[in-house]
């Protein structure tokens, strides 16, 4: 199983980090089969992507794959659709705002995942866990 991750360059709030730990712990337990844990794909950007990779490595049990933009990509959005959403079975998103906005790469990636029909878990910036 492949878990995609998208998030803000500003990094996650304390609440989002706490929620991420809960969600990754649950997904690791639910998706590990025959000793093989799920893959985690992220965009290798500063901020939330790197925070997510760090948490997944701390928790263990994930095969973490970073997808930095390639030189031929016109934008990170192309990379997100191709390398994160396309292979993903579920997407975790850590947006900068709890309300969807149009000019946001994180929310654009969420919309791509919804069009694909996969589950999307949006981590709230302000909710308490």
Protein backbone atom coordinates (compact mmCIF):
# COMPACT_ATOMS: atom_id res chain seq x y z
CA UNK A 1 0.00 0.00 0.00
CA UNK A 2 1.16 3.51 -0.77
CA UNK A 3 0.43 6.47 1.46
CA UNK A 4 0.89 9.85 -0.23
CA UNK A 5 1.64 13.00 1.74
CA UNK A 6 1.31 16.67 0.82
CA UNK A 7 1.77 19.68 3.02
CA UNK A 8 2.62 23.32 3.35
CA UNK A 9 6.12 24.69 2.94
CA UNK A 10 5.49 26.62 6.18
CA UNK A 11 5.54 23.36 8.10
CA UNK A 12 2.93 21.69 10.27
CA UNK A 13 1.36 23.08 13.39
CA UNK A 14 1.81 21.21 16.68
CA UNK A 15 -1.74 19.91 16.27
CA UNK A 16 -1.03 18.60 12.76
CA UNK A 17 2.14 16.87 13.96
CA UNK A 18 0.21 15.18 16.77
CA UNK A 19 -2.54 14.10 14.36
CA UNK A 20 0.09 12.84 11.90
CA UNK A 21 1.62 10.58 14.55
CA UNK A 22 -1.80 9.07 15.30
CA UNK A 23 -2.68 8.59 11.62
CA UNK A 24 0.70 7.09 10.67
CA UNK A 25 0.62 4.75 13.67
CA UNK A 26 -2.85 3.55 12.66
CA UNK A 27 -1.95 3.20 8.97
CA UNK A 28 1.25 1.31 9.80
CA UNK A 29 -0.73 -1.18 11.90
CA UNK A 30 -3.58 -1.48 9.38
CA UNK A 31 -1.44 -1.74 6.24
CA UNK A 32 1.49 -3.90 7.33
CA UNK A 33 1.26 -7.33 5.71
CA UNK A 34 3.73 -10.20 6.15
CA UNK A 35 6.17 -7.87 7.86
CA UNK A 36 6.10 -5.35 4.99
CA UNK A 37 4.99 -1.88 5.99
CA UNK A 38 3.40 0.68 3.71
CA UNK A 39 5.32 3.04 1.45
CA UNK A 40 5.15 6.76 2.19
CA UNK A 41 5.60 9.09 -0.79
CA UNK A 42 6.25 12.81 -0.28
CA UNK A 43 7.53 15.71 -2.36
CA UNK A 44 10.82 16.29 -0.50
CA UNK A 45 10.08 19.99 0.02
CA UNK A 46 11.07 21.91 3.12
CA UNK A 47 8.42 22.20 5.77
CA UNK A 48 5.68 19.61 6.13
CA UNK A 49 7.14 17.04 3.69
CA UNK A 50 10.38 16.76 5.62
CA UNK A 51 8.55 16.80 8.96
CA UNK A 52 6.37 13.90 7.78
CA UNK A 53 9.38 11.89 6.62
CA UNK A 54 11.06 12.48 9.99
CA UNK A 55 7.98 11.31 11.94
CA UNK A 56 7.59 8.22 9.73
CA UNK A 57 11.24 7.30 10.27
CA UNK A 58 10.88 7.83 14.04
CA UNK A 59 7.83 5.56 14.14
CA UNK A 60 9.46 2.96 11.91
CA UNK A 61 7.76 0.46 9.63
CA UNK A 62 7.47 2.73 6.58
CA UNK A 63 9.44 2.65 3.36
CA UNK A 64 9.86 6.40 2.75
CA UNK A 65 10.27 7.69 -0.81
CA UNK A 66 11.04 11.35 -1.54
CA UNK A 67 10.09 12.76 -4.95
CA UNK A 68 11.92 16.05 -5.53
CA UNK A 69 10.81 17.97 -8.62
CA UNK A 70 12.69 16.83 -11.72
CA UNK A 71 14.38 19.33 -14.00
CA UNK A 72 11.75 18.84 -16.74
CA UNK A 73 8.79 19.45 -14.43
CA UNK A 74 6.91 22.65 -15.04
CA UNK A 75 5.80 22.80 -11.41
CA UNK A 76 5.64 20.81 -8.18
CA UNK A 77 1.95 20.26 -8.99
CA UNK A 78 2.94 18.02 -11.92
CA UNK A 79 5.20 16.03 -9.60
CA UNK A 80 2.48 15.81 -6.95
CA UNK A 81 -0.09 14.39 -9.38
CA UNK A 82 2.37 12.00 -11.06
CA UNK A 83 4.53 10.76 -8.17
CA UNK A 84 2.37 11.20 -5.08
CA UNK A 85 -1.32 10.99 -6.04
CA UNK A 86 -1.16 8.58 -9.01
CA UNK A 87 0.38 5.62 -7.12
CA UNK A 88 -1.28 6.40 -3.74
CA UNK A 89 -4.00 4.36 -2.09
CA UNK A 90 -4.62 7.11 0.48
CA UNK A 91 -3.45 10.73 0.82
CA UNK A 92 -2.60 12.62 4.00
CA UNK A 93 -2.64 16.41 3.69
CA UNK A 94 -1.32 19.07 6.08
CA UNK A 95 -2.50 22.37 4.56
CA UNK A 96 -1.66 25.86 5.80
CA UNK A 97 -5.37 26.63 6.20
CA UNK A 98 -8.29 24.51 7.37
CA UNK A 99 -10.49 26.06 4.70
CA UNK A 100 -9.82 24.95 1.13
CA UNK A 101 -8.34 27.65 -1.07
CA UNK A 102 -7.71 27.64 -4.81
CA UNK A 103 -4.15 29.01 -4.89
CA UNK A 104 -2.56 26.31 -2.76
CA UNK A 105 -0.41 23.43 -3.93
CA UNK A 106 -1.51 21.32 -0.98
CA UNK A 107 -5.20 21.87 -1.70
CA UNK A 108 -4.62 21.28 -5.44
CA UNK A 109 -3.09 17.91 -4.55
CA UNK A 110 -6.08 17.13 -2.31
CA UNK A 111 -8.42 17.91 -5.21
CA UNK A 112 -6.39 15.61 -7.51
CA UNK A 113 -6.70 12.77 -4.97
CA UNK A 114 -10.43 13.34 -4.64
CA UNK A 115 -10.80 13.20 -8.44
CA UNK A 116 -8.89 9.90 -8.37
CA UNK A 117 -11.35 8.65 -5.75
CA UNK A 118 -8.90 7.74 -3.00
CA UNK A 119 -9.45 8.52 0.70
CA UNK A 120 -8.01 11.84 1.85
CA UNK A 121 -7.10 12.56 5.46
CA UNK A 122 -6.79 16.30 6.08
CA UNK A 123 -4.92 17.24 9.25
CA UNK A 124 -6.48 20.30 10.88
CA UNK A 125 -4.12 23.15 11.86
CA UNK A 126 -6.00 23.96 15.02
CA UNK A 127 -7.83 20.86 16.25
CA UNK A 128 -6.76 19.23 19.47
CA UNK A 129 -5.98 15.54 19.47
